[in-house]
């Protein structure tokens, strides 16, 4: 399976107005809708949409249809900009499933330096088992389109206090992050998202 991650930047103070439009439009679009979230902490006025596709052709066709639409996602009046790329889940992870996982989702988006993707996957495969003893990982995936490779990992938490406790404990105990990762990164971005009421993953 492949995953299309679309991020909409909407005008300030309009996410609450844009989300009902997305609720109406997304079920009519191709692909399996997994998530529709909006930022609570970080770069505000962002809406993230994650859809599952069986092939990169299907994902590309969906992006083309959106590009040609005169009212993308039924919310053109609110959208300032949009990005959309195709991602591959790390091969040793279970596909993300609808259900209650959050309601806080930490989305960490990294741009990797050229030539480091294979080594990053290997380091994560070795380090993840101990990290997953502390809290679950919804998804970790890398892009195969657009600027990249991008490395996106998504951590669900029941509360921000839980996030702080888990993360600080994992660092203190030396089990996370995987060693050597800092030298492989060109950029880092972290945002906290919360789910729209209609999001299958919430």
Protein backbone atom coordinates (compact mmCIF):
# COMPACT_ATOMS: atom_id res chain seq x y z
CA UNK A 1 0.00 0.00 0.00
CA UNK A 2 0.99 3.61 -0.56
CA UNK A 3 -0.05 6.67 1.40
CA UNK A 4 -0.88 10.11 0.08
CA UNK A 5 -0.20 12.85 2.61
CA UNK A 6 -1.83 16.15 1.69
CA UNK A 7 -1.25 19.22 3.82
CA UNK A 8 -3.49 22.23 3.35
CA UNK A 9 -2.57 25.66 4.64
CA UNK A 10 -5.77 27.61 5.20
CA UNK A 11 -6.43 31.22 6.05
CA UNK A 12 -6.10 32.15 9.73
CA UNK A 13 -9.15 31.35 11.84
CA UNK A 14 -10.77 29.25 9.08
CA UNK A 15 -9.99 25.57 9.91
CA UNK A 16 -13.34 25.19 11.70
CA UNK A 17 -15.08 26.46 8.56
CA UNK A 18 -13.00 24.39 6.16
CA UNK A 19 -13.41 21.04 7.93
CA UNK A 20 -17.16 20.61 7.21
CA UNK A 21 -16.37 21.11 3.52
CA UNK A 22 -13.73 18.40 3.72
CA UNK A 23 -16.11 16.11 5.55
CA UNK A 24 -18.47 16.37 2.61
CA UNK A 25 -15.85 16.16 -0.15
CA UNK A 26 -13.38 13.53 1.03
CA UNK A 27 -15.73 10.50 0.92
CA UNK A 28 -16.31 11.27 -2.76
CA UNK A 29 -12.57 11.34 -3.54
CA UNK A 30 -10.54 8.28 -4.49
CA UNK A 31 -8.46 6.34 -2.00
CA UNK A 32 -9.25 5.18 1.51
CA UNK A 33 -9.45 8.07 3.94
CA UNK A 34 -7.45 7.34 7.07
CA UNK A 35 -7.02 10.70 8.75
CA UNK A 36 -8.02 14.34 8.66
CA UNK A 37 -6.31 16.35 11.39
CA UNK A 38 -5.62 20.01 12.11
CA UNK A 39 -2.79 21.65 14.00
CA UNK A 40 -3.12 22.50 17.66
CA UNK A 41 0.55 23.29 18.36
CA UNK A 42 3.20 24.23 15.83
CA UNK A 43 2.50 25.77 12.43
CA UNK A 44 -1.14 26.75 12.84
CA UNK A 45 -3.93 26.66 10.25
CA UNK A 46 -2.69 23.42 8.72
CA UNK A 47 -4.95 20.49 7.85
CA UNK A 48 -3.40 17.10 7.13
CA UNK A 49 -5.21 14.46 5.08
CA UNK A 50 -3.86 10.90 4.85
CA UNK A 51 -5.28 8.52 2.26
CA UNK A 52 -4.33 4.96 1.39
CA UNK A 53 -3.88 3.81 -2.23
CA UNK A 54 -3.10 0.50 -3.86
CA UNK A 55 -0.67 2.02 -6.40
CA UNK A 56 1.28 5.19 -7.13
CA UNK A 57 -0.76 5.56 -10.31
CA UNK A 58 -3.98 5.86 -8.29
CA UNK A 59 -2.37 8.42 -6.00
CA UNK A 60 -1.06 10.43 -8.95
CA UNK A 61 -4.46 10.38 -10.63
CA UNK A 62 -6.05 11.69 -7.45
CA UNK A 63 -3.53 14.53 -7.23
CA UNK A 64 -4.14 15.41 -10.86
CA UNK A 65 -7.90 15.51 -10.28
CA UNK A 66 -7.38 17.83 -7.33
CA UNK A 67 -5.08 20.08 -9.34
CA UNK A 68 -7.68 20.41 -12.11
CA UNK A 69 -10.60 20.98 -9.75
CA UNK A 70 -12.10 24.46 -9.60
CA UNK A 71 -12.94 23.83 -5.94
CA UNK A 72 -10.38 21.42 -4.44
CA UNK A 73 -11.73 19.51 -1.45
CA UNK A 74 -14.77 21.76 -1.62
CA UNK A 75 -12.78 24.33 0.34
CA UNK A 76 -10.96 26.48 -2.22
CA UNK A 77 -12.10 29.73 -0.60
CA UNK A 78 -10.14 28.86 2.54
CA UNK A 79 -7.00 27.24 1.05
CA UNK A 80 -3.83 29.31 0.76
CA UNK A 81 -1.56 26.49 -0.44
CA UNK A 82 -1.39 22.71 -0.59
CA UNK A 83 1.27 20.02 -0.82
CA UNK A 84 0.71 16.36 -1.61
CA UNK A 85 3.20 13.50 -1.81
CA UNK A 86 3.24 9.72 -1.90
CA UNK A 87 4.79 7.78 0.98
CA UNK A 88 5.85 4.20 1.64
CA UNK A 89 5.44 2.67 5.09
CA UNK A 90 8.54 1.09 6.61
CA UNK A 91 8.36 -2.60 5.65
CA UNK A 92 8.49 -3.95 9.21
CA UNK A 93 5.57 -1.84 10.47
CA UNK A 94 1.87 -2.64 10.60
CA UNK A 95 -0.36 -0.47 8.41
CA UNK A 96 -2.19 2.28 10.33
CA UNK A 97 -5.80 1.38 11.07
CA UNK A 98 -8.90 3.46 11.83
CA UNK A 99 -9.77 3.76 15.49
CA UNK A 100 -9.04 5.77 18.62
CA UNK A 101 -5.30 6.27 18.98
CA UNK A 102 -4.84 9.90 20.12
CA UNK A 103 -6.33 12.40 20.41
CA UNK A 104 -2.93 14.11 20.16
CA UNK A 105 -0.77 13.20 17.16
CA UNK A 106 2.82 14.35 17.04
CA UNK A 107 3.86 14.54 13.37
CA UNK A 108 7.62 14.81 12.90
CA UNK A 109 8.59 15.67 9.33
CA UNK A 110 12.27 15.46 8.36
CA UNK A 111 14.06 16.12 5.09
CA UNK A 112 16.89 13.59 4.83
CA UNK A 113 20.24 14.27 3.23
CA UNK A 114 20.88 12.39 -0.04
CA UNK A 115 22.02 8.79 0.27
CA UNK A 116 21.02 8.13 3.88
CA UNK A 117 17.57 6.55 3.53
CA UNK A 118 18.62 2.88 3.64
CA UNK A 119 20.80 3.45 6.69
CA UNK A 120 18.02 5.36 8.44
CA UNK A 121 15.62 2.46 7.92
CA UNK A 122 18.18 0.04 9.39
CA UNK A 123 18.80 2.21 12.47
CA UNK A 124 15.09 2.54 13.11
CA UNK A 125 14.49 -1.19 12.77
CA UNK A 126 17.12 -1.84 15.45
CA UNK A 127 16.03 0.90 17.86
CA UNK A 128 12.23 0.80 17.59
CA UNK A 129 11.44 -2.31 19.69
CA UNK A 130 12.64 -0.68 22.95
CA UNK A 131 11.02 2.65 22.05
CA UNK A 132 7.68 0.92 21.39
CA UNK A 133 7.72 -0.42 24.93
CA UNK A 134 7.09 3.19 26.00
CA UNK A 135 4.32 4.20 23.57
CA UNK A 136 2.88 3.26 20.20
CA UNK A 137 3.89 4.49 16.76
CA UNK A 138 1.04 5.10 14.31
CA UNK A 139 3.23 5.26 11.20
CA UNK A 140 6.72 5.93 9.93
CA UNK A 141 7.15 6.40 6.19
CA UNK A 142 9.33 7.98 3.53
CA UNK A 143 8.35 9.91 0.42
CA UNK A 144 8.80 8.70 -3.14
CA UNK A 145 7.61 11.93 -4.75
CA UNK A 146 8.34 15.62 -4.37
CA UNK A 147 11.31 17.00 -2.46
CA UNK A 148 12.98 14.25 -0.62
CA UNK A 149 13.36 11.85 0.68
CA UNK A 150 11.09 13.10 3.44
CA UNK A 151 10.82 11.01 6.59
CA UNK A 152 7.55 11.33 8.49
CA UNK A 153 6.80 9.59 11.78
CA UNK A 154 3.55 9.94 13.69
CA UNK A 155 3.22 9.29 17.43
CA UNK A 156 -0.22 9.20 19.10
CA UNK A 157 -0.63 10.23 22.73
CA UNK A 158 -3.54 10.38 25.15
CA UNK A 159 -2.28 13.68 26.56
CA UNK A 160 0.55 16.16 26.18
CA UNK A 161 1.74 15.18 29.64
CA UNK A 162 2.09 11.59 28.41
CA UNK A 163 4.08 12.80 25.42
CA UNK A 164 6.49 14.74 27.63
CA UNK A 165 6.93 11.87 30.08
CA UNK A 166 7.52 9.24 27.39
CA UNK A 167 9.87 11.32 25.29
CA UNK A 168 11.97 12.65 28.14
CA UNK A 169 12.20 9.18 29.70
CA UNK A 170 13.29 7.56 26.43
CA UNK A 171 16.01 10.17 25.95
CA UNK A 172 17.19 9.91 29.56
CA UNK A 173 17.41 6.13 29.32
CA UNK A 174 19.34 6.31 26.05
CA UNK A 175 16.90 4.29 23.96
CA UNK A 176 15.78 7.11 21.66
CA UNK A 177 16.41 8.64 19.19
CA UNK A 178 18.35 6.08 17.13
CA UNK A 179 22.08 6.86 17.26
CA UNK A 180 23.62 8.83 14.42
CA UNK A 181 20.38 10.26 13.11
CA UNK A 182 21.23 13.91 13.61
CA UNK A 183 23.95 13.82 10.97
CA UNK A 184 21.49 12.54 8.35
CA UNK A 185 18.95 15.37 8.61
CA UNK A 186 18.67 18.49 6.47
CA UNK A 187 15.54 19.91 8.16
CA UNK A 188 13.12 19.05 10.97
CA UNK A 189 9.54 20.12 11.63
CA UNK A 190 7.25 19.01 14.46
CA UNK A 191 3.55 19.76 14.84
CA UNK A 192 0.84 18.50 17.17
CA UNK A 193 -2.41 17.65 15.39
CA UNK A 194 -5.84 16.78 16.72
CA UNK A 195 -8.47 14.88 14.70
CA UNK A 196 -11.51 16.27 12.97
CA UNK A 197 -14.72 14.69 14.25
CA UNK A 198 -15.08 12.64 11.06
CA UNK A 199 -11.47 11.41 10.92
CA UNK A 200 -11.32 7.57 10.85
CA UNK A 201 -8.10 7.71 12.89
CA UNK A 202 -8.71 9.79 15.99
